[in-house]
């Protein structure tokens, strides 16, 4: 990574509730920050990370919140 530019690298896949689909990725930026990038379907409920993240990393991306996302087409608000 070039230290003069903000760049990120994917460090984990976000696995959907079907336990097989990758619904997003966790990126670590060269600033040290973590961020979530979703697939083309946008935010979806997440079952787990692969590889697993540390508890600190999970808190930084609010993994508990990701596990409780309500699908857009579920009809729930």
N, C-alpha and C. Protein backbone atom coordinates (compact mmCIF):
# COMPACT_ATOMS: atom_id res chain seq x y z
N UNK A 1 0.83 -1.19 0.00
CA UNK A 1 0.00 0.00 0.00
C UNK A 1 0.87 1.24 0.00
N UNK A 2 0.41 2.25 -0.70
CA UNK A 2 1.09 3.53 -0.76
C UNK A 2 0.67 4.35 0.46
N UNK A 3 1.60 4.78 1.29
CA UNK A 3 1.28 5.50 2.51
C UNK A 3 0.73 6.89 2.25
N UNK A 4 0.89 7.43 1.04
CA UNK A 4 0.37 8.75 0.71
C UNK A 4 -1.10 8.71 0.32
N UNK A 5 -1.64 7.54 0.10
CA UNK A 5 -3.03 7.40 -0.30
C UNK A 5 -3.77 6.54 0.71
N UNK A 6 -5.06 6.78 0.84
CA UNK A 6 -5.88 5.94 1.71
C UNK A 6 -6.30 4.73 0.89
N UNK A 7 -5.85 3.56 1.33
CA UNK A 7 -6.15 2.32 0.63
C UNK A 7 -6.63 1.29 1.63
N UNK A 8 -7.43 0.37 1.15
CA UNK A 8 -7.94 -0.69 2.01
C UNK A 8 -7.74 -2.05 1.39
N UNK A 9 -7.75 -3.05 2.26
CA UNK A 9 -7.64 -4.43 1.81
C UNK A 9 -8.70 -5.25 2.56
N UNK A 10 -9.37 -6.14 1.83
CA UNK A 10 -10.38 -6.98 2.45
C UNK A 10 -9.70 -7.97 3.40
N UNK A 11 -10.20 -8.04 4.65
CA UNK A 11 -9.63 -8.96 5.63
C UNK A 11 -10.59 -10.08 6.02
N UNK A 12 -11.87 -9.93 5.66
CA UNK A 12 -12.84 -10.98 6.00
C UNK A 12 -14.06 -10.88 5.09
N UNK A 13 -14.67 -12.02 4.83
CA UNK A 13 -15.96 -12.08 4.13
C UNK A 13 -17.06 -12.04 5.17
N UNK A 14 -18.16 -11.38 4.84
CA UNK A 14 -19.36 -11.41 5.67
C UNK A 14 -20.29 -12.45 5.06
N UNK A 15 -20.61 -13.47 5.82
CA UNK A 15 -21.41 -14.59 5.35
C UNK A 15 -22.87 -14.37 5.76
N UNK A 16 -23.78 -14.52 4.79
CA UNK A 16 -25.19 -14.31 5.04
C UNK A 16 -25.82 -15.43 5.85
N UNK A 17 -27.09 -15.25 6.17
CA UNK A 17 -27.80 -16.20 7.02
C UNK A 17 -28.01 -17.56 6.36
N UNK A 18 -27.82 -17.65 5.04
CA UNK A 18 -27.92 -18.96 4.39
C UNK A 18 -26.65 -19.79 4.62
N UNK A 19 -25.66 -19.18 5.32
CA UNK A 19 -24.39 -19.81 5.68
C UNK A 19 -23.48 -20.12 4.49
N UNK A 20 -23.82 -19.62 3.29
CA UNK A 20 -22.94 -19.88 2.15
C UNK A 20 -22.66 -18.65 1.29
N UNK A 21 -23.56 -17.68 1.29
CA UNK A 21 -23.39 -16.50 0.44
C UNK A 21 -22.51 -15.45 1.10
N UNK A 22 -21.60 -14.89 0.32
CA UNK A 22 -20.83 -13.74 0.77
C UNK A 22 -21.68 -12.51 0.48
N UNK A 23 -22.10 -11.79 1.53
CA UNK A 23 -22.97 -10.63 1.36
C UNK A 23 -22.21 -9.31 1.51
N UNK A 24 -20.94 -9.40 1.91
CA UNK A 24 -20.13 -8.20 2.07
C UNK A 24 -18.72 -8.56 2.52
N UNK A 25 -17.93 -7.51 2.75
CA UNK A 25 -16.53 -7.70 3.12
C UNK A 25 -16.16 -6.69 4.20
N UNK A 26 -15.21 -7.06 5.03
CA UNK A 26 -14.64 -6.13 6.00
C UNK A 26 -13.29 -5.70 5.45
N UNK A 27 -13.09 -4.40 5.35
CA UNK A 27 -11.84 -3.83 4.86
C UNK A 27 -11.06 -3.18 6.00
N UNK A 28 -9.75 -3.36 5.98
CA UNK A 28 -8.87 -2.61 6.87
C UNK A 28 -8.15 -1.57 6.01
N UNK A 29 -8.31 -0.31 6.39
CA UNK A 29 -7.68 0.79 5.68
C UNK A 29 -6.28 1.02 6.24
N UNK A 30 -5.43 1.61 5.44
CA UNK A 30 -4.07 1.87 5.90
C UNK A 30 -4.03 2.91 7.00
N UNK A 31 -5.18 3.50 7.32
CA UNK A 31 -5.30 4.40 8.47
C UNK A 31 -5.53 3.61 9.75
N UNK A 32 -5.81 2.31 9.61
CA UNK A 32 -6.10 1.46 10.76
C UNK A 32 -7.59 1.22 10.96
N UNK A 33 -8.42 2.02 10.30
CA UNK A 33 -9.88 1.89 10.46
C UNK A 33 -10.40 0.65 9.74
N UNK A 34 -11.51 0.12 10.24
CA UNK A 34 -12.22 -0.97 9.58
C UNK A 34 -13.50 -0.42 8.98
N UNK A 35 -13.94 -1.00 7.87
CA UNK A 35 -15.18 -0.59 7.23
C UNK A 35 -15.82 -1.79 6.55
N UNK A 36 -17.15 -1.73 6.43
CA UNK A 36 -17.91 -2.79 5.76
C UNK A 36 -18.28 -2.31 4.37
N UNK A 37 -18.10 -3.19 3.38
CA UNK A 37 -18.55 -2.94 2.02
C UNK A 37 -19.54 -4.05 1.67
N UNK A 38 -20.72 -3.66 1.23
CA UNK A 38 -21.76 -4.63 0.90
C UNK A 38 -21.70 -5.03 -0.56
N UNK A 39 -22.29 -6.20 -0.87
CA UNK A 39 -22.41 -6.59 -2.27
C UNK A 39 -23.48 -5.71 -2.93
N UNK A 40 -23.83 -5.99 -4.17
CA UNK A 40 -24.75 -5.14 -4.92
C UNK A 40 -26.16 -5.09 -4.32
N UNK A 41 -26.50 -6.01 -3.45
CA UNK A 41 -27.83 -6.03 -2.83
C UNK A 41 -27.93 -5.16 -1.58
N UNK A 42 -26.84 -4.54 -1.18
CA UNK A 42 -26.85 -3.66 -0.02
C UNK A 42 -26.85 -4.42 1.29
N UNK A 43 -27.06 -3.70 2.40
CA UNK A 43 -26.98 -4.32 3.72
C UNK A 43 -27.92 -5.52 3.88
N UNK A 44 -27.37 -6.58 4.43
CA UNK A 44 -28.12 -7.81 4.67
C UNK A 44 -27.71 -8.39 6.02
N UNK A 45 -28.56 -9.20 6.59
CA UNK A 45 -28.24 -9.84 7.87
C UNK A 45 -27.03 -10.75 7.69
N UNK A 46 -26.12 -10.67 8.66
CA UNK A 46 -24.87 -11.43 8.62
C UNK A 46 -24.89 -12.51 9.69
N UNK A 47 -24.48 -13.72 9.33
CA UNK A 47 -24.41 -14.82 10.29
C UNK A 47 -23.03 -14.93 10.93
N UNK A 48 -21.97 -14.66 10.12
CA UNK A 48 -20.61 -14.82 10.66
C UNK A 48 -19.62 -14.15 9.71
N UNK A 49 -18.38 -14.07 10.20
CA UNK A 49 -17.26 -13.56 9.40
C UNK A 49 -16.35 -14.73 9.09
N UNK A 50 -15.75 -14.69 7.92
CA UNK A 50 -14.80 -15.74 7.55
C UNK A 50 -13.59 -15.08 6.90
N UNK A 51 -12.40 -15.15 7.48
CA UNK A 51 -12.10 -15.73 8.79
C UNK A 51 -12.72 -14.89 9.90
N UNK A 52 -12.83 -15.50 11.07
CA UNK A 52 -13.41 -14.82 12.21
C UNK A 52 -12.55 -13.61 12.59
N UNK A 53 -13.21 -12.58 13.09
CA UNK A 53 -12.51 -11.38 13.54
C UNK A 53 -12.37 -11.41 15.06
N UNK A 54 -11.46 -10.62 15.58
CA UNK A 54 -11.31 -10.52 17.03
C UNK A 54 -12.53 -9.80 17.60
N UNK A 55 -12.73 -9.92 18.90
CA UNK A 55 -13.85 -9.23 19.54
C UNK A 55 -13.75 -7.72 19.34
N UNK A 56 -12.55 -7.18 19.41
CA UNK A 56 -12.34 -5.74 19.20
C UNK A 56 -12.73 -5.33 17.79
N UNK A 57 -12.32 -6.12 16.80
CA UNK A 57 -12.68 -5.81 15.41
C UNK A 57 -14.19 -5.91 15.20
N UNK A 58 -14.82 -6.92 15.82
CA UNK A 58 -16.28 -7.05 15.69
C UNK A 58 -16.99 -5.84 16.29
N UNK A 59 -16.51 -5.35 17.42
CA UNK A 59 -17.12 -4.16 18.01
C UNK A 59 -16.95 -2.96 17.10
N UNK A 60 -15.80 -2.84 16.47
CA UNK A 60 -15.54 -1.68 15.60
C UNK A 60 -16.49 -1.65 14.40
N UNK A 61 -16.87 -2.80 13.88
CA UNK A 61 -17.80 -2.82 12.74
C UNK A 61 -19.25 -3.03 13.19
N UNK A 62 -19.49 -3.08 14.51
CA UNK A 62 -20.82 -3.32 15.08
C UNK A 62 -21.40 -4.62 14.54
N UNK A 63 -20.66 -5.71 14.74
CA UNK A 63 -21.10 -7.01 14.23
C UNK A 63 -22.47 -7.39 14.77
N UNK A 64 -22.75 -7.09 16.04
CA UNK A 64 -24.08 -7.40 16.60
C UNK A 64 -25.18 -6.71 15.80
N UNK A 65 -24.93 -5.48 15.39
CA UNK A 65 -25.90 -4.76 14.56
C UNK A 65 -26.06 -5.41 13.19
N UNK A 66 -24.95 -5.88 12.62
CA UNK A 66 -25.01 -6.55 11.31
C UNK A 66 -25.80 -7.84 11.37
N UNK A 67 -25.78 -8.49 12.52
CA UNK A 67 -26.50 -9.75 12.68
C UNK A 67 -28.00 -9.54 12.86
N UNK A 68 -28.42 -8.27 13.03
CA UNK A 68 -29.83 -7.98 13.25
C UNK A 68 -30.45 -7.09 12.18
N UNK A 69 -29.78 -6.94 11.05
CA UNK A 69 -30.32 -6.14 9.94
C UNK A 69 -31.60 -6.80 9.43
N UNK A 70 -32.61 -5.99 9.21
CA UNK A 70 -33.86 -6.48 8.64
C UNK A 70 -33.78 -6.31 7.13
N UNK A 71 -34.04 -7.38 6.40
CA UNK A 71 -33.99 -7.35 4.94
C UNK A 71 -34.97 -6.34 4.38
N UNK A 72 -34.59 -5.66 3.31
CA UNK A 72 -35.44 -4.65 2.68
C UNK A 72 -36.80 -5.21 2.25
N UNK A 73 -36.80 -6.45 1.79
CA UNK A 73 -38.04 -7.05 1.25
C UNK A 73 -38.81 -7.85 2.29
N UNK A 74 -38.48 -7.70 3.59
CA UNK A 74 -39.14 -8.51 4.61
C UNK A 74 -40.49 -7.95 5.02
N UNK A 75 -40.75 -6.65 4.68
CA UNK A 75 -42.00 -6.03 5.05
C UNK A 75 -42.00 -5.50 6.47
N UNK A 76 -40.88 -5.64 7.19
CA UNK A 76 -40.78 -5.13 8.56
C UNK A 76 -40.06 -3.79 8.55
N UNK A 77 -40.40 -2.92 9.48
CA UNK A 77 -39.72 -1.63 9.61
C UNK A 77 -38.75 -1.67 10.76
